[in-house]
Structures are given as structure tokens and as C-alpha cells.
N, C-alpha and C. Protein backbone atom coordinates (compact mmCIF):
# COMPACT_ATOMS: atom_id res chain seq x y z
N MET A 1 3.19 -20.51 0.04
CA MET A 1 4.62 -20.37 -0.24
C MET A 1 5.27 -21.49 0.51
N LEU A 2 6.26 -22.09 -0.14
CA LEU A 2 7.03 -23.13 0.50
C LEU A 2 8.23 -22.58 1.27
N VAL A 3 8.47 -23.20 2.38
CA VAL A 3 9.72 -22.81 3.19
C VAL A 3 10.83 -23.83 2.89
N VAL A 4 11.94 -23.28 2.53
CA VAL A 4 13.09 -24.12 2.09
C VAL A 4 14.17 -23.93 3.07
N PRO A 5 14.93 -24.95 3.51
CA PRO A 5 16.04 -24.79 4.41
C PRO A 5 17.06 -23.77 3.80
N SER A 6 17.67 -22.95 4.72
CA SER A 6 18.53 -21.89 4.29
C SER A 6 19.72 -22.42 3.53
N TRP A 7 20.16 -23.63 3.77
CA TRP A 7 21.32 -24.20 3.03
C TRP A 7 20.96 -24.37 1.54
N GLN A 8 19.68 -24.64 1.19
CA GLN A 8 19.26 -24.77 -0.19
C GLN A 8 19.35 -23.40 -0.87
N THR A 9 18.89 -22.32 -0.19
CA THR A 9 18.90 -21.02 -0.88
C THR A 9 20.34 -20.51 -1.00
N ARG A 10 21.27 -20.88 -0.07
CA ARG A 10 22.62 -20.47 -0.20
C ARG A 10 23.32 -21.03 -1.42
N ARG A 11 22.83 -22.30 -1.87
CA ARG A 11 23.47 -22.90 -3.04
C ARG A 11 23.16 -22.24 -4.34
N MET A 12 22.09 -21.36 -4.30
CA MET A 12 21.79 -20.68 -5.55
C MET A 12 22.70 -19.51 -5.79
N ASN A 13 23.13 -19.40 -6.98
CA ASN A 13 24.09 -18.33 -7.33
C ASN A 13 23.24 -17.04 -7.64
N LEU A 14 23.09 -16.17 -6.59
CA LEU A 14 22.24 -14.99 -6.67
C LEU A 14 22.61 -14.01 -7.81
N PRO A 15 23.95 -13.74 -8.00
CA PRO A 15 24.16 -12.80 -9.10
C PRO A 15 23.66 -13.31 -10.47
N GLU A 16 23.70 -14.59 -10.77
CA GLU A 16 23.19 -15.13 -11.95
C GLU A 16 21.64 -14.97 -12.00
N LEU A 17 20.98 -15.19 -10.81
CA LEU A 17 19.51 -15.03 -10.77
C LEU A 17 19.10 -13.53 -11.08
N THR A 18 19.85 -12.59 -10.55
CA THR A 18 19.49 -11.17 -10.78
C THR A 18 19.72 -10.80 -12.26
N ASP A 19 20.56 -11.50 -12.96
CA ASP A 19 20.74 -11.23 -14.38
C ASP A 19 19.68 -11.81 -15.24
N LEU A 20 18.74 -12.58 -14.68
CA LEU A 20 17.73 -13.27 -15.44
C LEU A 20 16.46 -12.53 -15.65
N TRP A 21 16.33 -11.31 -15.17
CA TRP A 21 15.06 -10.57 -15.35
C TRP A 21 14.96 -10.43 -16.93
N PRO A 22 13.73 -10.69 -17.43
CA PRO A 22 13.53 -10.74 -18.93
C PRO A 22 13.86 -9.39 -19.58
N ALA A 23 14.58 -9.50 -20.72
CA ALA A 23 14.88 -8.29 -21.50
C ALA A 23 13.63 -7.72 -22.20
N ILE A 24 12.78 -8.71 -22.55
CA ILE A 24 11.49 -8.38 -23.21
C ILE A 24 10.34 -8.84 -22.25
N ASP A 25 9.41 -7.94 -21.90
CA ASP A 25 8.33 -8.33 -21.03
C ASP A 25 7.62 -9.52 -21.57
N PRO A 26 7.44 -10.52 -20.76
CA PRO A 26 6.69 -11.72 -21.12
C PRO A 26 5.18 -11.33 -21.51
N ALA A 27 4.62 -11.97 -22.48
CA ALA A 27 3.29 -11.66 -22.82
C ALA A 27 2.57 -12.92 -23.33
N PHE A 28 1.27 -12.97 -23.19
CA PHE A 28 0.44 -14.06 -23.83
C PHE A 28 -0.90 -13.51 -23.86
N GLY A 29 -1.64 -13.79 -25.00
CA GLY A 29 -3.06 -13.42 -25.13
C GLY A 29 -3.23 -11.94 -24.88
N ASN A 30 -4.08 -11.62 -23.91
CA ASN A 30 -4.42 -10.23 -23.66
C ASN A 30 -3.65 -9.55 -22.50
N VAL A 31 -2.51 -10.13 -22.13
CA VAL A 31 -1.71 -9.53 -21.03
C VAL A 31 -0.18 -9.47 -21.36
N THR A 32 0.44 -8.52 -20.76
CA THR A 32 1.90 -8.38 -20.71
C THR A 32 2.28 -8.29 -19.25
N LEU A 33 3.39 -8.93 -18.88
CA LEU A 33 3.92 -8.93 -17.57
C LEU A 33 5.13 -7.91 -17.58
N ARG A 34 5.12 -7.08 -16.54
CA ARG A 34 6.21 -6.05 -16.46
C ARG A 34 6.53 -5.86 -14.97
N ALA A 35 7.59 -5.11 -14.73
CA ALA A 35 8.01 -4.76 -13.36
C ALA A 35 6.97 -3.84 -12.77
N PHE A 36 6.75 -3.91 -11.44
CA PHE A 36 5.77 -3.06 -10.77
C PHE A 36 6.26 -1.59 -10.84
N ARG A 37 5.29 -0.71 -10.84
CA ARG A 37 5.51 0.70 -10.82
C ARG A 37 4.65 1.36 -9.75
N PRO A 38 5.09 2.59 -9.22
CA PRO A 38 4.22 3.14 -8.15
C PRO A 38 2.84 3.42 -8.56
N GLU A 39 2.55 3.63 -9.82
CA GLU A 39 1.15 3.92 -10.28
C GLU A 39 0.28 2.63 -10.27
N ASP A 40 0.85 1.52 -9.88
CA ASP A 40 0.06 0.27 -9.75
C ASP A 40 -0.67 0.15 -8.39
N ALA A 41 -0.41 1.18 -7.47
CA ALA A 41 -1.04 1.11 -6.24
C ALA A 41 -2.57 1.01 -6.20
N PRO A 42 -3.35 1.64 -7.05
CA PRO A 42 -4.80 1.39 -7.05
C PRO A 42 -5.13 -0.08 -7.21
N MET A 43 -4.49 -0.83 -8.13
CA MET A 43 -4.67 -2.26 -8.23
C MET A 43 -4.47 -2.98 -6.92
N ALA A 44 -3.29 -2.63 -6.26
CA ALA A 44 -2.93 -3.29 -5.02
C ALA A 44 -4.04 -2.98 -3.97
N MET A 45 -4.47 -1.77 -3.90
CA MET A 45 -5.51 -1.39 -2.89
C MET A 45 -6.79 -2.18 -3.17
N GLU A 46 -7.16 -2.29 -4.42
CA GLU A 46 -8.42 -3.05 -4.76
C GLU A 46 -8.21 -4.51 -4.39
N LEU A 47 -7.10 -5.07 -4.77
CA LEU A 47 -6.84 -6.49 -4.39
C LEU A 47 -6.82 -6.74 -2.94
N SER A 48 -6.44 -5.75 -2.10
CA SER A 48 -6.39 -5.91 -0.69
C SER A 48 -7.70 -6.02 -0.08
N ARG A 49 -8.78 -5.60 -0.79
CA ARG A 49 -10.15 -5.75 -0.22
C ARG A 49 -10.70 -7.12 -0.41
N ASP A 50 -10.09 -7.96 -1.12
CA ASP A 50 -10.42 -9.39 -1.21
C ASP A 50 -9.73 -10.07 -0.07
N PRO A 51 -10.49 -10.52 1.00
CA PRO A 51 -9.79 -10.98 2.24
C PRO A 51 -8.90 -12.19 1.98
N TYR A 52 -9.12 -12.92 0.88
CA TYR A 52 -8.23 -14.10 0.73
C TYR A 52 -6.85 -13.76 0.28
N VAL A 53 -6.73 -12.71 -0.54
CA VAL A 53 -5.37 -12.32 -1.01
C VAL A 53 -4.45 -11.93 0.10
N PRO A 54 -4.82 -11.05 1.00
CA PRO A 54 -3.92 -10.77 2.24
C PRO A 54 -3.62 -11.98 3.05
N ALA A 55 -4.50 -12.89 3.08
CA ALA A 55 -4.25 -14.13 3.90
C ALA A 55 -3.16 -14.98 3.31
N MET A 56 -2.90 -14.80 2.06
CA MET A 56 -1.93 -15.65 1.38
C MET A 56 -0.55 -14.99 1.16
N GLY A 57 -0.51 -13.71 1.42
CA GLY A 57 0.78 -13.06 1.11
C GLY A 57 1.06 -11.85 2.09
N THR A 58 1.73 -10.88 1.54
CA THR A 58 2.19 -9.75 2.37
C THR A 58 1.39 -8.54 2.14
N LEU A 59 0.38 -8.49 1.30
CA LEU A 59 -0.46 -7.32 1.12
C LEU A 59 -1.41 -7.16 2.25
N PRO A 60 -1.39 -6.06 2.99
CA PRO A 60 -2.33 -5.97 4.14
C PRO A 60 -3.77 -5.92 3.70
N LEU A 61 -4.70 -6.38 4.57
CA LEU A 61 -6.13 -6.27 4.27
C LEU A 61 -6.50 -4.81 4.27
N ASN A 62 -7.29 -4.35 3.31
CA ASN A 62 -7.75 -3.03 3.19
C ASN A 62 -6.58 -1.98 3.19
N ALA A 63 -5.55 -2.26 2.38
CA ALA A 63 -4.36 -1.42 2.37
C ALA A 63 -4.67 -0.04 1.98
N ALA A 64 -4.01 0.86 2.77
CA ALA A 64 -4.01 2.31 2.38
C ALA A 64 -2.90 2.52 1.32
N ASP A 65 -2.90 3.73 0.74
CA ASP A 65 -1.91 3.97 -0.34
C ASP A 65 -0.52 3.71 0.03
N ASP A 66 -0.15 4.18 1.23
CA ASP A 66 1.27 3.95 1.68
C ASP A 66 1.54 2.49 1.93
N GLN A 67 0.64 1.72 2.28
CA GLN A 67 0.85 0.25 2.45
C GLN A 67 0.88 -0.45 1.11
N ALA A 68 0.07 0.02 0.11
CA ALA A 68 0.23 -0.45 -1.27
C ALA A 68 1.51 -0.17 -1.83
N GLN A 69 2.03 1.04 -1.61
CA GLN A 69 3.32 1.43 -2.10
C GLN A 69 4.49 0.50 -1.57
N GLN A 70 4.32 0.27 -0.23
CA GLN A 70 5.32 -0.61 0.38
C GLN A 70 5.28 -2.01 -0.19
N TRP A 71 4.11 -2.55 -0.44
CA TRP A 71 3.92 -3.81 -1.04
C TRP A 71 4.53 -3.78 -2.48
N ILE A 72 4.34 -2.79 -3.22
CA ILE A 72 4.88 -2.64 -4.58
C ILE A 72 6.43 -2.62 -4.41
N HIS A 73 6.98 -1.90 -3.48
CA HIS A 73 8.43 -1.94 -3.32
C HIS A 73 8.92 -3.26 -3.09
N ARG A 74 8.23 -4.10 -2.15
CA ARG A 74 8.71 -5.45 -1.95
C ARG A 74 8.60 -6.28 -3.23
N GLN A 75 7.67 -6.06 -4.12
CA GLN A 75 7.62 -6.82 -5.33
C GLN A 75 8.79 -6.43 -6.27
N GLN A 76 9.17 -5.12 -6.22
CA GLN A 76 10.21 -4.75 -7.05
C GLN A 76 11.61 -5.30 -6.63
N THR A 77 11.72 -5.78 -5.40
CA THR A 77 13.00 -6.24 -4.93
C THR A 77 13.11 -7.78 -4.80
N ARG A 78 12.10 -8.46 -5.21
CA ARG A 78 12.12 -9.93 -5.03
C ARG A 78 13.24 -10.57 -5.77
N HIS A 79 13.48 -10.19 -7.04
CA HIS A 79 14.55 -10.85 -7.82
C HIS A 79 15.93 -10.51 -7.36
N THR A 80 16.13 -9.26 -6.91
CA THR A 80 17.42 -8.87 -6.42
C THR A 80 17.70 -9.56 -5.07
N ALA A 81 16.67 -9.87 -4.32
CA ALA A 81 16.85 -10.65 -3.07
C ALA A 81 17.07 -12.11 -3.35
N GLY A 82 16.80 -12.57 -4.56
CA GLY A 82 17.03 -13.98 -4.85
C GLY A 82 15.86 -14.86 -4.58
N THR A 83 14.64 -14.37 -4.25
CA THR A 83 13.55 -15.19 -3.95
C THR A 83 12.64 -15.45 -5.22
N GLY A 84 12.70 -14.61 -6.19
CA GLY A 84 11.90 -14.90 -7.41
C GLY A 84 11.69 -13.64 -8.23
N PHE A 85 10.64 -13.72 -8.99
CA PHE A 85 10.28 -12.66 -9.97
C PHE A 85 8.84 -12.28 -9.77
N SER A 86 8.59 -11.04 -9.50
CA SER A 86 7.22 -10.56 -9.28
C SER A 86 6.84 -9.59 -10.38
N PHE A 87 5.71 -9.93 -11.06
CA PHE A 87 5.29 -9.15 -12.23
C PHE A 87 3.93 -8.51 -12.02
N ALA A 88 3.77 -7.30 -12.49
CA ALA A 88 2.45 -6.63 -12.63
C ALA A 88 1.83 -7.25 -13.94
N ILE A 89 0.59 -7.59 -13.88
CA ILE A 89 -0.17 -8.05 -15.07
C ILE A 89 -0.84 -6.88 -15.72
N VAL A 90 -0.51 -6.57 -16.87
CA VAL A 90 -1.15 -5.44 -17.60
C VAL A 90 -2.19 -5.97 -18.60
N ASP A 91 -3.45 -5.54 -18.50
CA ASP A 91 -4.48 -5.92 -19.43
C ASP A 91 -4.40 -5.08 -20.62
N HIS A 92 -4.21 -5.70 -21.78
CA HIS A 92 -4.08 -4.99 -23.09
C HIS A 92 -5.37 -4.24 -23.35
N THR A 93 -6.54 -4.70 -22.99
CA THR A 93 -7.79 -4.09 -23.33
C THR A 93 -7.94 -2.73 -22.70
N GLU A 94 -7.58 -2.66 -21.37
CA GLU A 94 -7.74 -1.42 -20.64
C GLU A 94 -6.48 -0.68 -20.44
N GLY A 95 -5.34 -1.32 -20.75
CA GLY A 95 -4.03 -0.68 -20.60
C GLY A 95 -3.65 -0.36 -19.15
N ARG A 96 -4.19 -1.09 -18.27
CA ARG A 96 -3.84 -0.82 -16.78
C ARG A 96 -3.47 -2.13 -16.09
N CYS A 97 -2.85 -1.97 -14.97
CA CYS A 97 -2.41 -3.10 -14.12
C CYS A 97 -3.67 -3.77 -13.60
N ALA A 98 -3.84 -5.08 -13.85
CA ALA A 98 -4.95 -5.80 -13.51
C ALA A 98 -4.70 -6.83 -12.33
N GLY A 99 -3.40 -7.02 -12.03
CA GLY A 99 -3.13 -8.05 -10.99
C GLY A 99 -1.65 -8.25 -10.91
N PHE A 100 -1.30 -9.43 -10.33
CA PHE A 100 0.12 -9.78 -10.18
C PHE A 100 0.33 -11.28 -10.42
N THR A 101 1.48 -11.64 -10.74
CA THR A 101 1.96 -13.03 -10.76
C THR A 101 3.38 -13.08 -10.32
N GLY A 102 3.73 -14.22 -9.69
CA GLY A 102 5.10 -14.31 -9.23
C GLY A 102 5.62 -15.71 -9.50
N LEU A 103 6.93 -15.85 -9.76
CA LEU A 103 7.62 -17.09 -9.95
C LEU A 103 8.62 -17.10 -8.78
N TRP A 104 8.41 -18.04 -7.84
CA TRP A 104 9.24 -18.11 -6.66
C TRP A 104 10.18 -19.26 -6.77
N VAL A 105 11.47 -18.94 -6.70
CA VAL A 105 12.53 -19.88 -7.07
C VAL A 105 13.39 -20.40 -5.86
N ARG A 106 12.84 -20.46 -4.72
CA ARG A 106 13.58 -20.96 -3.54
C ARG A 106 14.06 -22.44 -3.74
N GLU A 107 13.33 -23.17 -4.58
CA GLU A 107 13.67 -24.56 -4.81
C GLU A 107 14.38 -24.75 -6.14
N LEU A 108 14.90 -23.68 -6.71
CA LEU A 108 15.65 -23.76 -7.97
C LEU A 108 16.76 -24.79 -7.90
N PRO A 109 17.51 -24.92 -6.83
CA PRO A 109 18.56 -25.95 -6.81
C PRO A 109 18.10 -27.38 -7.05
N ALA A 110 16.76 -27.62 -6.82
CA ALA A 110 16.16 -28.80 -7.03
C ALA A 110 15.42 -28.87 -8.39
N GLY A 111 15.49 -27.77 -9.18
CA GLY A 111 14.86 -27.78 -10.43
C GLY A 111 13.38 -27.35 -10.39
N ARG A 112 12.88 -26.86 -9.26
CA ARG A 112 11.44 -26.54 -9.17
C ARG A 112 11.28 -25.03 -8.78
N ALA A 113 10.07 -24.57 -9.14
CA ALA A 113 9.62 -23.24 -8.73
C ALA A 113 8.20 -23.24 -8.55
N THR A 114 7.65 -22.22 -7.72
CA THR A 114 6.25 -22.13 -7.49
C THR A 114 5.75 -20.89 -8.19
N ILE A 115 4.51 -20.90 -8.64
CA ILE A 115 3.88 -19.76 -9.26
C ILE A 115 2.63 -19.33 -8.42
N GLY A 116 2.46 -18.04 -8.26
CA GLY A 116 1.22 -17.58 -7.64
C GLY A 116 0.66 -16.38 -8.57
N TYR A 117 -0.55 -16.11 -8.32
CA TYR A 117 -1.24 -14.98 -9.22
C TYR A 117 -2.44 -14.55 -8.44
N GLY A 118 -2.83 -13.32 -8.83
CA GLY A 118 -4.07 -12.66 -8.31
C GLY A 118 -4.55 -11.63 -9.19
N ILE A 119 -5.85 -11.58 -9.44
CA ILE A 119 -6.40 -10.55 -10.33
C ILE A 119 -7.38 -9.68 -9.44
N ALA A 120 -7.29 -8.36 -9.65
CA ALA A 120 -8.20 -7.43 -8.95
C ALA A 120 -9.65 -7.77 -9.28
N PRO A 121 -10.53 -7.69 -8.29
CA PRO A 121 -11.93 -8.12 -8.53
C PRO A 121 -12.56 -7.46 -9.78
N SER A 122 -12.31 -6.18 -10.07
CA SER A 122 -12.95 -5.51 -11.16
C SER A 122 -12.44 -6.02 -12.57
N CYS A 123 -11.36 -6.83 -12.56
CA CYS A 123 -10.82 -7.37 -13.82
C CYS A 123 -10.99 -8.85 -13.94
N ARG A 124 -11.72 -9.43 -13.03
CA ARG A 124 -11.89 -10.95 -13.15
C ARG A 124 -12.96 -11.29 -14.18
N GLY A 125 -12.87 -12.59 -14.60
CA GLY A 125 -13.82 -13.16 -15.51
C GLY A 125 -13.47 -13.01 -16.97
N ARG A 126 -12.26 -12.52 -17.27
CA ARG A 126 -11.85 -12.38 -18.63
C ARG A 126 -10.61 -13.20 -18.97
N HIS A 127 -10.31 -14.21 -18.17
CA HIS A 127 -9.18 -15.15 -18.41
C HIS A 127 -7.85 -14.46 -18.39
N LEU A 128 -7.71 -13.36 -17.68
CA LEU A 128 -6.41 -12.67 -17.62
C LEU A 128 -5.44 -13.49 -16.78
N ALA A 129 -5.87 -14.12 -15.71
CA ALA A 129 -5.00 -14.97 -14.94
C ALA A 129 -4.40 -16.11 -15.71
N ALA A 130 -5.27 -16.72 -16.54
CA ALA A 130 -4.74 -17.84 -17.41
C ALA A 130 -3.75 -17.40 -18.34
N ASP A 131 -3.92 -16.20 -18.98
CA ASP A 131 -2.96 -15.64 -19.90
C ASP A 131 -1.66 -15.33 -19.15
N ALA A 132 -1.80 -14.76 -17.96
CA ALA A 132 -0.60 -14.34 -17.18
C ALA A 132 0.09 -15.60 -16.77
N LEU A 133 -0.62 -16.68 -16.43
CA LEU A 133 0.07 -17.95 -16.01
C LEU A 133 0.81 -18.50 -17.17
N ARG A 134 0.26 -18.48 -18.39
CA ARG A 134 0.98 -18.95 -19.52
C ARG A 134 2.18 -18.04 -19.81
N ALA A 135 2.12 -16.77 -19.64
CA ALA A 135 3.26 -15.93 -19.91
C ALA A 135 4.37 -16.13 -18.92
N VAL A 136 4.02 -16.27 -17.59
CA VAL A 136 5.10 -16.45 -16.60
C VAL A 136 5.69 -17.85 -16.68
N THR A 137 4.90 -18.86 -17.08
CA THR A 137 5.42 -20.20 -17.31
C THR A 137 6.39 -20.22 -18.44
N SER A 138 6.07 -19.50 -19.55
CA SER A 138 6.99 -19.41 -20.70
C SER A 138 8.31 -18.78 -20.20
N PHE A 139 8.17 -17.65 -19.44
CA PHE A 139 9.41 -17.07 -18.93
C PHE A 139 10.16 -18.07 -18.05
N ALA A 140 9.54 -18.86 -17.24
CA ALA A 140 10.19 -19.82 -16.34
C ALA A 140 11.11 -20.72 -17.14
N TRP A 141 10.69 -21.13 -18.33
CA TRP A 141 11.53 -22.10 -19.07
C TRP A 141 12.77 -21.45 -19.65
N THR A 142 12.96 -20.14 -19.52
CA THR A 142 14.17 -19.49 -19.88
C THR A 142 15.25 -19.58 -18.84
N ILE A 143 14.89 -20.04 -17.65
CA ILE A 143 15.83 -20.07 -16.48
C ILE A 143 16.50 -21.40 -16.50
N PRO A 144 17.85 -21.42 -16.61
CA PRO A 144 18.59 -22.65 -16.70
C PRO A 144 18.39 -23.47 -15.38
N GLY A 145 18.22 -24.80 -15.54
CA GLY A 145 18.02 -25.61 -14.43
C GLY A 145 16.65 -25.75 -13.86
N LEU A 146 15.75 -24.94 -14.38
CA LEU A 146 14.36 -25.05 -13.94
C LEU A 146 13.56 -26.05 -14.85
N HIS A 147 13.00 -27.02 -14.24
CA HIS A 147 12.29 -28.17 -15.02
C HIS A 147 10.84 -28.27 -14.69
N ARG A 148 10.45 -27.66 -13.53
CA ARG A 148 9.08 -27.96 -13.08
C ARG A 148 8.53 -26.68 -12.38
N THR A 149 7.33 -26.34 -12.74
CA THR A 149 6.65 -25.33 -11.98
C THR A 149 5.38 -25.85 -11.35
N GLU A 150 5.08 -25.31 -10.14
CA GLU A 150 4.02 -25.85 -9.34
C GLU A 150 3.01 -24.73 -8.87
N LEU A 151 1.78 -25.19 -8.73
CA LEU A 151 0.70 -24.33 -8.22
C LEU A 151 0.07 -25.05 -7.10
N TYR A 152 -0.25 -24.34 -5.96
CA TYR A 152 -0.91 -24.88 -4.88
C TYR A 152 -2.28 -24.17 -4.76
N ILE A 153 -3.38 -24.94 -4.85
CA ILE A 153 -4.71 -24.31 -4.90
C ILE A 153 -5.59 -24.99 -3.93
N GLU A 154 -6.32 -24.22 -3.15
CA GLU A 154 -7.29 -24.84 -2.24
C GLU A 154 -8.47 -25.49 -3.01
N PRO A 155 -8.91 -26.58 -2.66
CA PRO A 155 -9.91 -27.30 -3.42
C PRO A 155 -11.23 -26.54 -3.71
N TRP A 156 -11.62 -25.61 -2.83
CA TRP A 156 -12.83 -24.81 -3.02
C TRP A 156 -12.73 -23.75 -4.08
N ASN A 157 -11.44 -23.43 -4.45
CA ASN A 157 -11.15 -22.32 -5.32
C ASN A 157 -11.29 -22.68 -6.80
N THR A 158 -12.49 -22.88 -7.26
CA THR A 158 -12.78 -23.38 -8.60
C THR A 158 -12.32 -22.42 -9.66
N ALA A 159 -12.35 -21.12 -9.40
CA ALA A 159 -11.83 -20.18 -10.46
C ALA A 159 -10.39 -20.39 -10.69
N SER A 160 -9.61 -20.64 -9.63
CA SER A 160 -8.16 -20.79 -9.76
C SER A 160 -7.90 -22.13 -10.40
N ILE A 161 -8.73 -23.22 -10.04
CA ILE A 161 -8.56 -24.45 -10.69
C ILE A 161 -8.81 -24.32 -12.24
N ARG A 162 -9.86 -23.66 -12.65
CA ARG A 162 -10.10 -23.40 -14.05
C ARG A 162 -8.94 -22.68 -14.72
N THR A 163 -8.37 -21.66 -13.99
CA THR A 163 -7.22 -20.95 -14.53
C THR A 163 -6.11 -21.91 -14.83
N ALA A 164 -5.75 -22.70 -13.77
CA ALA A 164 -4.63 -23.62 -13.92
C ALA A 164 -4.84 -24.57 -15.16
N GLU A 165 -6.00 -25.08 -15.23
CA GLU A 165 -6.26 -26.07 -16.33
C GLU A 165 -6.34 -25.36 -17.65
N ARG A 166 -6.88 -24.21 -17.74
CA ARG A 166 -6.89 -23.42 -18.93
C ARG A 166 -5.50 -23.14 -19.48
N ALA A 167 -4.54 -22.98 -18.53
CA ALA A 167 -3.13 -22.64 -18.85
C ALA A 167 -2.30 -23.91 -19.12
N GLY A 168 -2.92 -25.10 -19.04
CA GLY A 168 -2.29 -26.31 -19.38
C GLY A 168 -1.63 -27.06 -18.21
N TYR A 169 -1.92 -26.68 -17.00
CA TYR A 169 -1.35 -27.35 -15.76
C TYR A 169 -2.19 -28.63 -15.55
N LEU A 170 -1.48 -29.61 -14.99
CA LEU A 170 -2.11 -30.87 -14.74
C LEU A 170 -2.23 -31.08 -13.26
N ARG A 171 -3.38 -31.65 -12.84
CA ARG A 171 -3.58 -31.88 -11.39
C ARG A 171 -2.79 -33.13 -11.08
N GLU A 172 -2.02 -33.10 -9.96
CA GLU A 172 -1.28 -34.28 -9.54
C GLU A 172 -1.85 -34.91 -8.26
N GLY A 173 -2.56 -34.14 -7.43
CA GLY A 173 -3.15 -34.75 -6.29
C GLY A 173 -3.47 -33.76 -5.22
N LEU A 174 -3.97 -34.28 -4.10
CA LEU A 174 -4.41 -33.51 -2.96
C LEU A 174 -3.35 -33.66 -1.80
N LEU A 175 -2.88 -32.50 -1.33
CA LEU A 175 -1.93 -32.54 -0.22
C LEU A 175 -2.74 -32.16 1.02
N ARG A 176 -2.97 -33.17 1.95
CA ARG A 176 -3.85 -32.88 3.06
C ARG A 176 -3.08 -32.10 4.14
N SER A 177 -3.82 -31.11 4.73
CA SER A 177 -3.37 -30.34 5.79
C SER A 177 -1.92 -29.67 5.47
N TYR A 178 -1.83 -29.21 4.23
CA TYR A 178 -0.47 -28.85 3.63
C TYR A 178 0.04 -27.50 4.18
N GLN A 179 -0.86 -26.57 4.31
CA GLN A 179 -0.40 -25.16 4.59
C GLN A 179 -1.38 -24.53 5.57
N GLU A 180 -0.74 -23.64 6.43
CA GLU A 180 -1.54 -22.85 7.34
C GLU A 180 -1.93 -21.53 6.63
N ILE A 181 -3.19 -21.23 6.63
CA ILE A 181 -3.67 -19.93 6.03
C ILE A 181 -4.70 -19.38 7.04
N ALA A 182 -4.46 -18.18 7.46
CA ALA A 182 -5.29 -17.42 8.45
C ALA A 182 -5.56 -18.24 9.62
N GLY A 183 -4.47 -18.93 10.16
CA GLY A 183 -4.57 -19.68 11.43
C GLY A 183 -5.17 -21.05 11.31
N ARG A 184 -5.45 -21.53 10.13
CA ARG A 184 -6.06 -22.91 9.96
C ARG A 184 -5.23 -23.71 8.93
N ARG A 185 -5.05 -25.00 9.21
CA ARG A 185 -4.42 -25.89 8.28
C ARG A 185 -5.34 -26.10 7.15
N ARG A 186 -4.80 -26.04 5.86
CA ARG A 186 -5.67 -26.16 4.72
C ARG A 186 -5.06 -27.29 3.76
N ASP A 187 -6.00 -27.98 3.17
CA ASP A 187 -5.70 -28.89 2.05
C ASP A 187 -5.34 -28.08 0.78
N MET A 188 -4.43 -28.61 0.02
CA MET A 188 -4.07 -27.98 -1.25
C MET A 188 -4.01 -28.94 -2.37
N LEU A 189 -4.58 -28.55 -3.56
CA LEU A 189 -4.37 -29.36 -4.77
C LEU A 189 -2.99 -28.93 -5.29
N LEU A 190 -2.30 -29.89 -5.83
CA LEU A 190 -1.06 -29.62 -6.52
C LEU A 190 -1.22 -29.78 -7.98
N TYR A 191 -0.92 -28.67 -8.68
CA TYR A 191 -0.94 -28.62 -10.14
C TYR A 191 0.54 -28.44 -10.61
N SER A 192 0.90 -28.99 -11.69
CA SER A 192 2.28 -28.67 -12.22
C SER A 192 2.34 -28.68 -13.73
N ALA A 193 3.41 -28.02 -14.19
CA ALA A 193 3.83 -28.07 -15.59
C ALA A 193 5.33 -28.48 -15.63
N VAL A 194 5.74 -29.13 -16.65
CA VAL A 194 7.14 -29.53 -16.77
C VAL A 194 7.72 -29.02 -18.10
N ARG A 195 9.00 -28.71 -18.10
CA ARG A 195 9.66 -28.23 -19.32
C ARG A 195 9.64 -29.40 -20.33
N ASN A 196 9.26 -29.09 -21.57
CA ASN A 196 9.21 -30.07 -22.63
C ASN A 196 10.66 -30.37 -23.17
């Protein structure tokens, strides 16, 4: 997640951002993106058992039900807080929440946003993340003034690299010692998509 000076976030017109929640749930391939619901807690709890996911965000490692519900509540308030849009990824095949994706708009005044995603371990290997990335990217292009979406992926994360490339993102380069994760500075590959 990028840290942006507070003066940049103040320039964003938050009432307009809150009005941009999609009227129709974004969808692509085998997934639909929707607002989080309390019944998505089992997915959050499963995802919290993957030690990498909690290191990257606010979901606690090995989350209990109440911690998963608190995480869901935070996802539900991201767009009203003006930080972005957090979606549950619903797998059409099984009809259940399979993961999450988010569009983080702290750099919207500069025309940029960052996307993140995660799929619960039991749902991996079916290209759901790539479908979700295509869906959230299509939604991103409905936001006025947004011209570029970015992904930051550790070089060892070949599954996420394949997801980005399958969704049409292009690798732009390696950002050395770019981000601290779990107390260590990490290199990140930068992938992007731009509005046509």
C-alpha cells in the first residue's frame, strides 16, 4: 500500500467518491464483485491462515470469527472513508465468497490507483484472481480522472505474476527495497494498466 501525503488526499472530493460505488456489481468470467457481507467471515478466516496475507494488510493471522467480522466491517467502510473500494469476490461455480479485491484511490488526484487481491487457499488454481482483476480494472475505468492502475508484486510470487499477466497487465520494472513487509524491506515488481 502506498503512503500519500495528507494534502493529496484532502484534494479529493470525498462526497463524489462515495457516489461512485457501482450500481451493478462488476463481473468478469467466473466471478462477480460485490460489497462484503457478515457471512463472508469463513473466507476471511481461511485467508488469515495464509501467513502472507496478514503480513500485507489488516487481516490478523489466524483470525477468529470476531476478528474476521471486524475486518469485513473495515472493508465495508473503505469507500465512505475515501480510501478506495473493497469487494468480495464471488465464485459463480460455488456461489460463495472466494476472496477479495480492492481498488485504492489515495493517488486519484494524480490519476493513479493501486489494486490488490487475495484468494482463499481452497479456491486457488481456477483463475478467479485474474477474473476479479479484470472486473475491478473495468470498474476503475468508470472513475473520472483515473488513468492508470498499478500492482506491486514480490518477484518470488509467480502465481500473482501469472494473474497480472493473464489480466493484461504489463510489467514495467523492479522497484528495489520498495516496501517493508513483516519487518523486512522487499523488492517489488511494478505492473500497470492504462485507460484506453
